[in-house]
Structure formats: structure tokens, C-alpha cells
mmCIF file of all heavy atoms, coordinates in Angstrom:
data_MODEL
# 
_entry.id   MODEL 
# 
loop_
_atom_site.group_PDB 
_atom_site.id 
_atom_site.type_symbol 
_atom_site.label_atom_id 
_atom_site.label_alt_id 
_atom_site.label_comp_id 
_atom_site.label_asym_id 
_atom_site.label_entity_id 
_atom_site.label_seq_id 
_atom_site.pdbx_PDB_ins_code 
_atom_site.Cartn_x 
_atom_site.Cartn_y 
_atom_site.Cartn_z 
_atom_site.occupancy 
_atom_site.B_iso_or_equiv 
_atom_site.pdbx_formal_charge 
_atom_site.auth_seq_id 
_atom_site.auth_comp_id 
_atom_site.auth_asym_id 
_atom_site.auth_atom_id 
_atom_site.pdbx_PDB_model_num 
ATOM 1   N N   . VAL A 1 1  ? 0.945  -1.140 -0.017 1.00 0.00 ? 1  VAL A N   1 
ATOM 2   C CA  . VAL A 1 1  ? -0.047 -0.033 -0.025 1.00 0.00 ? 1  VAL A CA  1 
ATOM 3   C C   . VAL A 1 1  ? 0.890  1.170  0.015  1.00 0.00 ? 1  VAL A C   1 
ATOM 4   O O   . VAL A 1 1  ? 1.772  1.335  0.853  1.00 0.00 ? 1  VAL A O   1 
ATOM 5   C CB  . VAL A 1 1  ? -0.933 -0.018 1.255  1.00 0.00 ? 1  VAL A CB  1 
ATOM 6   C CG1 . VAL A 1 1  ? -1.769 1.230  1.250  1.00 0.00 ? 1  VAL A CG1 1 
ATOM 7   C CG2 . VAL A 1 1  ? -1.839 -1.179 1.331  1.00 0.00 ? 1  VAL A CG2 1 
ATOM 8   N N   . MET A 1 2  ? 0.717  2.105  -0.921 1.00 0.00 ? 2  MET A N   1 
ATOM 9   C CA  . MET A 1 2  ? 1.628  3.245  -0.999 1.00 0.00 ? 2  MET A CA  1 
ATOM 10  C C   . MET A 1 2  ? 1.057  4.300  0.092  1.00 0.00 ? 2  MET A C   1 
ATOM 11  O O   . MET A 1 2  ? -0.133 4.745  -0.048 1.00 0.00 ? 2  MET A O   1 
ATOM 12  C CB  . MET A 1 2  ? 1.472  3.906  -2.444 1.00 0.00 ? 2  MET A CB  1 
ATOM 13  C CG  . MET A 1 2  ? 1.920  2.887  -3.475 1.00 0.00 ? 2  MET A CG  1 
ATOM 14  S SD  . MET A 1 2  ? 3.524  2.077  -3.137 1.00 0.00 ? 2  MET A SD  1 
ATOM 15  C CE  . MET A 1 2  ? 4.636  3.302  -3.607 1.00 0.00 ? 2  MET A CE  1 
ATOM 16  N N   . GLU A 1 3  ? 1.855  4.629  0.942  1.00 0.00 ? 3  GLU A N   1 
ATOM 17  C CA  . GLU A 1 3  ? 1.429  5.570  2.026  1.00 0.00 ? 3  GLU A CA  1 
ATOM 18  C C   . GLU A 1 3  ? 2.611  6.486  2.270  1.00 0.00 ? 3  GLU A C   1 
ATOM 19  O O   . GLU A 1 3  ? 3.816  6.112  2.228  1.00 0.00 ? 3  GLU A O   1 
ATOM 20  C CB  . GLU A 1 3  ? 1.066  4.925  3.305  1.00 0.00 ? 3  GLU A CB  1 
ATOM 21  C CG  . GLU A 1 3  ? 0.756  5.828  4.433  1.00 0.00 ? 3  GLU A CG  1 
ATOM 22  C CD  . GLU A 1 3  ? 0.462  5.085  5.718  1.00 0.00 ? 3  GLU A CD  1 
ATOM 23  O OE1 . GLU A 1 3  ? -0.658 4.641  5.913  1.00 0.00 ? 3  GLU A OE1 1 
ATOM 24  O OE2 . GLU A 1 3  ? 1.412  4.939  6.566  1.00 0.00 ? 3  GLU A OE2 1 
ATOM 25  N N   . GLU A 1 4  ? 2.295  7.831  2.339  1.00 0.00 ? 4  GLU A N   1 
ATOM 26  C CA  . GLU A 1 4  ? 3.345  8.760  2.508  1.00 0.00 ? 4  GLU A CA  1 
ATOM 27  C C   . GLU A 1 4  ? 4.030  8.576  3.956  1.00 0.00 ? 4  GLU A C   1 
ATOM 28  O O   . GLU A 1 4  ? 3.388  8.529  4.964  1.00 0.00 ? 4  GLU A O   1 
ATOM 29  C CB  . GLU A 1 4  ? 2.790  10.234 2.407  1.00 0.00 ? 4  GLU A CB  1 
ATOM 30  C CG  . GLU A 1 4  ? 3.840  11.299 2.468  1.00 0.00 ? 4  GLU A CG  1 
ATOM 31  C CD  . GLU A 1 4  ? 3.208  12.629 2.177  1.00 0.00 ? 4  GLU A CD  1 
ATOM 32  O OE1 . GLU A 1 4  ? 2.168  12.700 1.532  1.00 0.00 ? 4  GLU A OE1 1 
ATOM 33  O OE2 . GLU A 1 4  ? 3.688  13.592 2.686  1.00 0.00 ? 4  GLU A OE2 1 
ATOM 34  N N   . LYS A 1 5  ? 5.349  8.609  3.951  1.00 0.00 ? 5  LYS A N   1 
ATOM 35  C CA  . LYS A 1 5  ? 6.171  8.446  5.083  1.00 0.00 ? 5  LYS A CA  1 
ATOM 36  C C   . LYS A 1 5  ? 6.277  9.748  5.703  1.00 0.00 ? 5  LYS A C   1 
ATOM 37  O O   . LYS A 1 5  ? 6.299  10.847 5.017  1.00 0.00 ? 5  LYS A O   1 
ATOM 38  C CB  . LYS A 1 5  ? 7.487  7.802  4.836  1.00 0.00 ? 5  LYS A CB  1 
ATOM 39  C CG  . LYS A 1 5  ? 7.345  6.334  4.491  1.00 0.00 ? 5  LYS A CG  1 
ATOM 40  C CD  . LYS A 1 5  ? 8.799  5.824  4.341  1.00 0.00 ? 5  LYS A CD  1 
ATOM 41  C CE  . LYS A 1 5  ? 8.748  4.279  3.785  1.00 0.00 ? 5  LYS A CE  1 
ATOM 42  N NZ  . LYS A 1 5  ? 10.071 3.739  3.784  1.00 0.00 ? 5  LYS A NZ  1 
ATOM 43  N N   . GLU A 1 6  ? 6.595  9.833  6.992  1.00 0.00 ? 6  GLU A N   1 
ATOM 44  C CA  . GLU A 1 6  ? 6.851  11.196 7.752  1.00 0.00 ? 6  GLU A CA  1 
ATOM 45  C C   . GLU A 1 6  ? 8.306  11.659 7.296  1.00 0.00 ? 6  GLU A C   1 
ATOM 46  O O   . GLU A 1 6  ? 9.092  10.788 6.829  1.00 0.00 ? 6  GLU A O   1 
ATOM 47  C CB  . GLU A 1 6  ? 6.854  10.963 9.231  1.00 0.00 ? 6  GLU A CB  1 
ATOM 48  C CG  . GLU A 1 6  ? 5.488  10.567 9.760  1.00 0.00 ? 6  GLU A CG  1 
ATOM 49  C CD  . GLU A 1 6  ? 4.383  11.678 9.597  1.00 0.00 ? 6  GLU A CD  1 
ATOM 50  O OE1 . GLU A 1 6  ? 4.853  12.869 9.793  1.00 0.00 ? 6  GLU A OE1 1 
ATOM 51  O OE2 . GLU A 1 6  ? 3.234  11.403 9.389  1.00 0.00 ? 6  GLU A OE2 1 
ATOM 52  N N   . SER A 1 7  ? 8.526  12.894 7.506  1.00 0.00 ? 7  SER A N   1 
ATOM 53  C CA  . SER A 1 7  ? 9.785  13.478 7.030  1.00 0.00 ? 7  SER A CA  1 
ATOM 54  C C   . SER A 1 7  ? 10.986 13.044 7.906  1.00 0.00 ? 7  SER A C   1 
ATOM 55  O O   . SER A 1 7  ? 12.096 13.151 7.401  1.00 0.00 ? 7  SER A O   1 
ATOM 56  C CB  . SER A 1 7  ? 9.693  14.948 7.018  1.00 0.00 ? 7  SER A CB  1 
ATOM 57  O OG  . SER A 1 7  ? 9.470  15.412 8.402  1.00 0.00 ? 7  SER A OG  1 
ATOM 58  N N   . GLY A 1 8  ? 10.786 12.589 9.077  1.00 0.00 ? 8  GLY A N   1 
ATOM 59  C CA  . GLY A 1 8  ? 11.862 12.284 9.978  1.00 0.00 ? 8  GLY A CA  1 
ATOM 60  C C   . GLY A 1 8  ? 12.286 13.450 10.820 1.00 0.00 ? 8  GLY A C   1 
ATOM 61  O O   . GLY A 1 8  ? 13.317 13.368 11.529 1.00 0.00 ? 8  GLY A O   1 
ATOM 62  N N   . LYS A 1 9  ? 11.668 14.575 10.654 1.00 0.00 ? 9  LYS A N   1 
ATOM 63  C CA  . LYS A 1 9  ? 12.036 15.797 11.441 1.00 0.00 ? 9  LYS A CA  1 
ATOM 64  C C   . LYS A 1 9  ? 11.715 15.649 12.916 1.00 0.00 ? 9  LYS A C   1 
ATOM 65  O O   . LYS A 1 9  ? 12.217 16.373 13.714 1.00 0.00 ? 9  LYS A O   1 
ATOM 66  C CB  . LYS A 1 9  ? 11.465 17.035 10.870 1.00 0.00 ? 9  LYS A CB  1 
ATOM 67  C CG  . LYS A 1 9  ? 11.977 17.243 9.444  1.00 0.00 ? 9  LYS A CG  1 
ATOM 68  C CD  . LYS A 1 9  ? 11.271 18.428 8.793  1.00 0.00 ? 9  LYS A CD  1 
ATOM 69  C CE  . LYS A 1 9  ? 11.783 18.711 7.352  1.00 0.00 ? 9  LYS A CE  1 
ATOM 70  N NZ  . LYS A 1 9  ? 10.932 19.663 6.677  1.00 0.00 ? 9  LYS A NZ  1 
ATOM 71  N N   . ASN A 1 10 ? 10.762 14.810 13.207 1.00 0.00 ? 10 ASN A N   1 
ATOM 72  C CA  . ASN A 1 10 ? 10.292 14.615 14.578 1.00 0.00 ? 10 ASN A CA  1 
ATOM 73  C C   . ASN A 1 10 ? 11.391 13.927 15.474 1.00 0.00 ? 10 ASN A C   1 
ATOM 74  O O   . ASN A 1 10 ? 12.074 13.167 14.880 1.00 0.00 ? 10 ASN A O   1 
ATOM 75  C CB  . ASN A 1 10 ? 9.091  13.851 14.651 1.00 0.00 ? 10 ASN A CB  1 
ATOM 76  C CG  . ASN A 1 10 ? 7.875  14.428 13.971 1.00 0.00 ? 10 ASN A CG  1 
ATOM 77  O OD1 . ASN A 1 10 ? 7.923  15.666 13.598 1.00 0.00 ? 10 ASN A OD1 1 
ATOM 78  N ND2 . ASN A 1 10 ? 6.913  13.653 13.646 1.00 0.00 ? 10 ASN A ND2 1 
ATOM 79  N N   . THR A 1 11 ? 11.538 14.304 16.713 1.00 0.00 ? 11 THR A N   1 
ATOM 80  C CA  . THR A 1 11 ? 12.440 13.683 17.535 1.00 0.00 ? 11 THR A CA  1 
ATOM 81  C C   . THR A 1 11 ? 11.834 12.541 18.444 1.00 0.00 ? 11 THR A C   1 
ATOM 82  O O   . THR A 1 11 ? 12.472 11.654 18.919 1.00 0.00 ? 11 THR A O   1 
ATOM 83  C CB  . THR A 1 11 ? 13.268 14.661 18.437 1.00 0.00 ? 11 THR A CB  1 
ATOM 84  O OG1 . THR A 1 11 ? 12.282 15.440 19.104 1.00 0.00 ? 11 THR A OG1 1 
ATOM 85  C CG2 . THR A 1 11 ? 14.122 15.472 17.566 1.00 0.00 ? 11 THR A CG2 1 
ATOM 86  N N   . PHE A 1 12 ? 10.416 12.655 18.620 1.00 0.00 ? 12 PHE A N   1 
ATOM 87  C CA  . PHE A 1 12 ? 9.644  11.714 19.403 1.00 0.00 ? 12 PHE A CA  1 
ATOM 88  C C   . PHE A 1 12 ? 8.397  11.352 18.712 1.00 0.00 ? 12 PHE A C   1 
ATOM 89  O O   . PHE A 1 12 ? 7.884  12.184 17.878 1.00 0.00 ? 12 PHE A O   1 
ATOM 90  C CB  . PHE A 1 12 ? 9.376  12.322 20.752 1.00 0.00 ? 12 PHE A CB  1 
ATOM 91  C CG  . PHE A 1 12 ? 10.644 12.458 21.624 1.00 0.00 ? 12 PHE A CG  1 
ATOM 92  C CD1 . PHE A 1 12 ? 11.277 13.717 21.712 1.00 0.00 ? 12 PHE A CD1 1 
ATOM 93  C CD2 . PHE A 1 12 ? 11.110 11.371 22.340 1.00 0.00 ? 12 PHE A CD2 1 
ATOM 94  C CE1 . PHE A 1 12 ? 12.439 13.853 22.418 1.00 0.00 ? 12 PHE A CE1 1 
ATOM 95  C CE2 . PHE A 1 12 ? 12.242 11.508 23.230 1.00 0.00 ? 12 PHE A CE2 1 
ATOM 96  C CZ  . PHE A 1 12 ? 12.904 12.782 23.174 1.00 0.00 ? 12 PHE A CZ  1 
ATOM 97  N N   . HIS A 1 13 ? 7.808  10.270 18.975 1.00 0.00 ? 13 HIS A N   1 
ATOM 98  C CA  . HIS A 1 13 ? 6.530  9.788  18.450 1.00 0.00 ? 13 HIS A CA  1 
ATOM 99  C C   . HIS A 1 13 ? 5.720  9.238  19.609 1.00 0.00 ? 13 HIS A C   1 
ATOM 100 O O   . HIS A 1 13 ? 6.193  8.442  20.419 1.00 0.00 ? 13 HIS A O   1 
ATOM 101 C CB  . HIS A 1 13 ? 6.778  8.771  17.378 1.00 0.00 ? 13 HIS A CB  1 
ATOM 102 C CG  . HIS A 1 13 ? 5.488  8.157  16.949 1.00 0.00 ? 13 HIS A CG  1 
ATOM 103 N ND1 . HIS A 1 13 ? 4.568  8.779  15.984 1.00 0.00 ? 13 HIS A ND1 1 
ATOM 104 C CD2 . HIS A 1 13 ? 4.855  6.999  17.244 1.00 0.00 ? 13 HIS A CD2 1 
ATOM 105 C CE1 . HIS A 1 13 ? 3.568  7.940  15.794 1.00 0.00 ? 13 HIS A CE1 1 
ATOM 106 N NE2 . HIS A 1 13 ? 3.689  6.923  16.483 1.00 0.00 ? 13 HIS A NE2 1 
ATOM 107 N N   . THR A 1 14 ? 4.468  9.527  19.760 1.00 0.00 ? 14 THR A N   1 
ATOM 108 C CA  . THR A 1 14 ? 3.621  8.962  20.740 1.00 0.00 ? 14 THR A CA  1 
ATOM 109 C C   . THR A 1 14 ? 2.756  7.832  20.059 1.00 0.00 ? 14 THR A C   1 
ATOM 110 O O   . THR A 1 14 ? 2.051  8.031  19.162 1.00 0.00 ? 14 THR A O   1 
ATOM 111 C CB  . THR A 1 14 ? 2.612  9.986  21.278 1.00 0.00 ? 14 THR A CB  1 
ATOM 112 O OG1 . THR A 1 14 ? 3.378  11.164 21.851 1.00 0.00 ? 14 THR A OG1 1 
ATOM 113 C CG2 . THR A 1 14 ? 1.760  9.475  22.365 1.00 0.00 ? 14 THR A CG2 1 
ATOM 114 N N   . ALA A 1 15 ? 3.066  6.707  20.581 1.00 0.00 ? 15 ALA A N   1 
ATOM 115 C CA  . ALA A 1 15 ? 2.459  5.429  20.002 1.00 0.00 ? 15 ALA A CA  1 
ATOM 116 C C   . ALA A 1 15 ? 0.922  5.442  20.160 1.00 0.00 ? 15 ALA A C   1 
ATOM 117 O O   . ALA A 1 15 ? 0.278  5.879  21.116 1.00 0.00 ? 15 ALA A O   1 
ATOM 118 C CB  . ALA A 1 15 ? 3.007  4.108  20.744 1.00 0.00 ? 15 ALA A CB  1 
ATOM 119 N N   . ARG A 1 16 ? 0.417  5.060  18.983 1.00 0.00 ? 16 ARG A N   1 
ATOM 120 C CA  . ARG A 1 16 ? -1.096 4.902  18.932 1.00 0.00 ? 16 ARG A CA  1 
ATOM 121 C C   . ARG A 1 16 ? -1.483 3.375  19.259 1.00 0.00 ? 16 ARG A C   1 
ATOM 122 O O   . ARG A 1 16 ? -0.651 2.557  19.209 1.00 0.00 ? 16 ARG A O   1 
ATOM 123 C CB  . ARG A 1 16 ? -1.644 5.227  17.531 1.00 0.00 ? 16 ARG A CB  1 
ATOM 124 C CG  . ARG A 1 16 ? -1.268 6.668  17.147 1.00 0.00 ? 16 ARG A CG  1 
ATOM 125 C CD  . ARG A 1 16 ? -2.013 7.051  15.803 1.00 0.00 ? 16 ARG A CD  1 
ATOM 126 N NE  . ARG A 1 16 ? -1.447 8.383  15.447 1.00 0.00 ? 16 ARG A NE  1 
ATOM 127 C CZ  . ARG A 1 16 ? -0.514 8.580  14.537 1.00 0.00 ? 16 ARG A CZ  1 
ATOM 128 N NH1 . ARG A 1 16 ? 0.003  7.530  13.853 1.00 0.00 ? 16 ARG A NH1 1 
ATOM 129 N NH2 . ARG A 1 16 ? -0.221 9.745  14.245 1.00 0.00 ? 16 ARG A NH2 1 
ATOM 130 N N   . ASP A 1 17 ? -2.748 3.183  19.505 1.00 0.00 ? 17 ASP A N   1 
ATOM 131 C CA  . ASP A 1 17 ? -3.236 1.912  19.768 1.00 0.00 ? 17 ASP A CA  1 
ATOM 132 C C   . ASP A 1 17 ? -2.871 0.964  18.709 1.00 0.00 ? 17 ASP A C   1 
ATOM 133 O O   . ASP A 1 17 ? -3.216 1.261  17.506 1.00 0.00 ? 17 ASP A O   1 
ATOM 134 C CB  . ASP A 1 17 ? -4.726 2.017  19.951 1.00 0.00 ? 17 ASP A CB  1 
ATOM 135 C CG  . ASP A 1 17 ? -5.384 0.603  20.451 1.00 0.00 ? 17 ASP A CG  1 
ATOM 136 O OD1 . ASP A 1 17 ? -4.632 -0.129 21.153 1.00 0.00 ? 17 ASP A OD1 1 
ATOM 137 O OD2 . ASP A 1 17 ? -6.433 0.312  20.011 1.00 0.00 ? 17 ASP A OD2 1 
ATOM 138 N N   . GLY A 1 18 ? -2.200 -0.169 18.995 1.00 0.00 ? 18 GLY A N   1 
ATOM 139 C CA  . GLY A 1 18 ? -1.943 -1.235 18.024 1.00 0.00 ? 18 GLY A CA  1 
ATOM 140 C C   . GLY A 1 18 ? -0.671 -0.967 17.280 1.00 0.00 ? 18 GLY A C   1 
ATOM 141 O O   . GLY A 1 18 ? -0.178 -1.898 16.609 1.00 0.00 ? 18 GLY A O   1 
ATOM 142 N N   . GLU A 1 19 ? -0.059 0.203  17.504 1.00 0.00 ? 19 GLU A N   1 
ATOM 143 C CA  . GLU A 1 19 ? 1.259  0.427  16.783 1.00 0.00 ? 19 GLU A CA  1 
ATOM 144 C C   . GLU A 1 19 ? 2.447  -0.456 17.535 1.00 0.00 ? 19 GLU A C   1 
ATOM 145 O O   . GLU A 1 19 ? 2.396  -0.664 18.780 1.00 0.00 ? 19 GLU A O   1 
ATOM 146 C CB  . GLU A 1 19 ? 1.676  1.864  16.876 1.00 0.00 ? 19 GLU A CB  1 
ATOM 147 C CG  . GLU A 1 19 ? 1.163  2.705  15.802 1.00 0.00 ? 19 GLU A CG  1 
ATOM 148 C CD  . GLU A 1 19 ? 1.773  4.074  15.754 1.00 0.00 ? 19 GLU A CD  1 
ATOM 149 O OE1 . GLU A 1 19 ? 1.981  4.621  16.851 1.00 0.00 ? 19 GLU A OE1 1 
ATOM 150 O OE2 . GLU A 1 19 ? 2.018  4.541  14.643 1.00 0.00 ? 19 GLU A OE2 1 
ATOM 151 N N   . ASN A 1 20 ? 3.396  -0.760 16.726 1.00 0.00 ? 20 ASN A N   1 
ATOM 152 C CA  . ASN A 1 20 ? 4.619  -1.402 17.311 1.00 0.00 ? 20 ASN A CA  1 
ATOM 153 C C   . ASN A 1 20 ? 5.833  -0.672 16.813 1.00 0.00 ? 20 ASN A C   1 
ATOM 154 O O   . ASN A 1 20 ? 5.704  0.210  15.883 1.00 0.00 ? 20 ASN A O   1 
ATOM 155 C CB  . ASN A 1 20 ? 4.594  -2.865 17.174 1.00 0.00 ? 20 ASN A CB  1 
ATOM 156 C CG  . ASN A 1 20 ? 4.611  -3.247 15.650 1.00 0.00 ? 20 ASN A CG  1 
ATOM 157 O OD1 . ASN A 1 20 ? 5.336  -2.746 14.852 1.00 0.00 ? 20 ASN A OD1 1 
ATOM 158 N ND2 . ASN A 1 20 ? 3.718  -4.203 15.272 1.00 0.00 ? 20 ASN A ND2 1 
ATOM 159 N N   . LEU A 1 21 ? 7.042  -1.165 17.155 1.00 0.00 ? 21 LEU A N   1 
ATOM 160 C CA  . LEU A 1 21 ? 8.288  -0.399 16.725 1.00 0.00 ? 21 LEU A CA  1 
ATOM 161 C C   . LEU A 1 21 ? 8.443  -0.618 15.176 1.00 0.00 ? 21 LEU A C   1 
ATOM 162 O O   . LEU A 1 21 ? 8.969  0.222  14.622 1.00 0.00 ? 21 LEU A O   1 
ATOM 163 C CB  . LEU A 1 21 ? 9.455  -0.854 17.468 1.00 0.00 ? 21 LEU A CB  1 
ATOM 164 C CG  . LEU A 1 21 ? 9.610  -0.382 18.895 1.00 0.00 ? 21 LEU A CG  1 
ATOM 165 C CD1 . LEU A 1 21 ? 10.993 -0.799 19.508 1.00 0.00 ? 21 LEU A CD1 1 
ATOM 166 C CD2 . LEU A 1 21 ? 9.475  1.044  18.988 1.00 0.00 ? 21 LEU A CD2 1 
ATOM 167 N N   . TRP A 1 22 ? 7.980  -1.749 14.583 1.00 0.00 ? 22 TRP A N   1 
ATOM 168 C CA  . TRP A 1 22 ? 8.066  -1.922 13.165 1.00 0.00 ? 22 TRP A CA  1 
ATOM 169 C C   . TRP A 1 22 ? 7.296  -0.824 12.383 1.00 0.00 ? 22 TRP A C   1 
ATOM 170 O O   . TRP A 1 22 ? 7.780  -0.264 11.449 1.00 0.00 ? 22 TRP A O   1 
ATOM 171 C CB  . TRP A 1 22 ? 7.889  -3.324 12.701 1.00 0.00 ? 22 TRP A CB  1 
ATOM 172 C CG  . TRP A 1 22 ? 8.901  -4.296 12.990 1.00 0.00 ? 22 TRP A CG  1 
ATOM 173 C CD1 . TRP A 1 22 ? 10.015 -4.398 12.323 1.00 0.00 ? 22 TRP A CD1 1 
ATOM 174 C CD2 . TRP A 1 22 ? 9.089  -5.237 14.115 1.00 0.00 ? 22 TRP A CD2 1 
ATOM 175 N NE1 . TRP A 1 22 ? 10.806 -5.377 12.855 1.00 0.00 ? 22 TRP A NE1 1 
ATOM 176 C CE2 . TRP A 1 22 ? 10.210 -5.842 13.992 1.00 0.00 ? 22 TRP A CE2 1 
ATOM 177 C CE3 . TRP A 1 22 ? 8.203  -5.411 15.118 1.00 0.00 ? 22 TRP A CE3 1 
ATOM 178 C CZ2 . TRP A 1 22 ? 10.634 -6.872 14.908 1.00 0.00 ? 22 TRP A CZ2 1 
ATOM 179 C CZ3 . TRP A 1 22 ? 8.511  -6.437 16.023 1.00 0.00 ? 22 TRP A CZ3 1 
ATOM 180 C CH2 . TRP A 1 22 ? 9.852  -7.138 15.985 1.00 0.00 ? 22 TRP A CH2 1 
ATOM 181 N N   . ASP A 1 23 ? 6.018  -0.600 13.008 1.00 0.00 ? 23 ASP A N   1 
ATOM 182 C CA  . ASP A 1 23 ? 5.209  0.400  12.346 1.00 0.00 ? 23 ASP A CA  1 
ATOM 183 C C   . ASP A 1 23 ? 5.915  1.728  12.324 1.00 0.00 ? 23 ASP A C   1 
ATOM 184 O O   . ASP A 1 23 ? 5.964  2.492  11.357 1.00 0.00 ? 23 ASP A O   1 
ATOM 185 C CB  . ASP A 1 23 ? 3.891  0.482  13.034 1.00 0.00 ? 23 ASP A CB  1 
ATOM 186 C CG  . ASP A 1 23 ? 3.066  -0.810 12.997 1.00 0.00 ? 23 ASP A CG  1 
ATOM 187 O OD1 . ASP A 1 23 ? 3.085  -1.530 11.948 1.00 0.00 ? 23 ASP A OD1 1 
ATOM 188 O OD2 . ASP A 1 23 ? 2.330  -1.170 14.003 1.00 0.00 ? 23 ASP A OD2 1 
ATOM 189 N N   . ILE A 1 24 ? 6.471  2.121  13.441 1.00 0.00 ? 24 ILE A N   1 
ATOM 190 C CA  . ILE A 1 24 ? 7.017  3.421  13.734 1.00 0.00 ? 24 ILE A CA  1 
ATOM 191 C C   . ILE A 1 24 ? 8.321  3.480  12.887 1.00 0.00 ? 24 ILE A C   1 
ATOM 192 O O   . ILE A 1 24 ? 8.629  4.512  12.305 1.00 0.00 ? 24 ILE A O   1 
ATOM 193 C CB  . ILE A 1 24 ? 7.319  3.645  15.189 1.00 0.00 ? 24 ILE A CB  1 
ATOM 194 C CG1 . ILE A 1 24 ? 5.933  3.737  15.933 1.00 0.00 ? 24 ILE A CG1 1 
ATOM 195 C CG2 . ILE A 1 24 ? 8.071  4.953  15.496 1.00 0.00 ? 24 ILE A CG2 1 
ATOM 196 C CD1 . ILE A 1 24 ? 5.986  3.495  17.407 1.00 0.00 ? 24 ILE A CD1 1 
ATOM 197 N N   . SER A 1 25 ? 9.144  2.486  12.820 1.00 0.00 ? 25 SER A N   1 
ATOM 198 C CA  . SER A 1 25 ? 10.316 2.386  12.051 1.00 0.00 ? 25 SER A CA  1 
ATOM 199 C C   . SER A 1 25 ? 10.098 2.633  10.525 1.00 0.00 ? 25 SER A C   1 
ATOM 200 O O   . SER A 1 25 ? 10.692 3.443  9.940  1.00 0.00 ? 25 SER A O   1 
ATOM 201 C CB  . SER A 1 25 ? 10.888 1.043  12.127 1.00 0.00 ? 25 SER A CB  1 
ATOM 202 O OG  . SER A 1 25 ? 11.983 0.815  11.137 1.00 0.00 ? 25 SER A OG  1 
# 
């Protein structure tokens, strides 16, 4: 599925329900 990735400018991310480190990676 083509989905736009974040720019990487953030230094922190707050996990959403069901997310894991692979999703965030």
C-alpha cells in the first residue's frame, strides 16, 4: 500500500493503539 512516510524531522513519536516499533520504524 503506497502511504506517505513522515519526514523524519520529529524527535519523538507517541504510540497509537496497536502500533509497534516496526510500524514506527
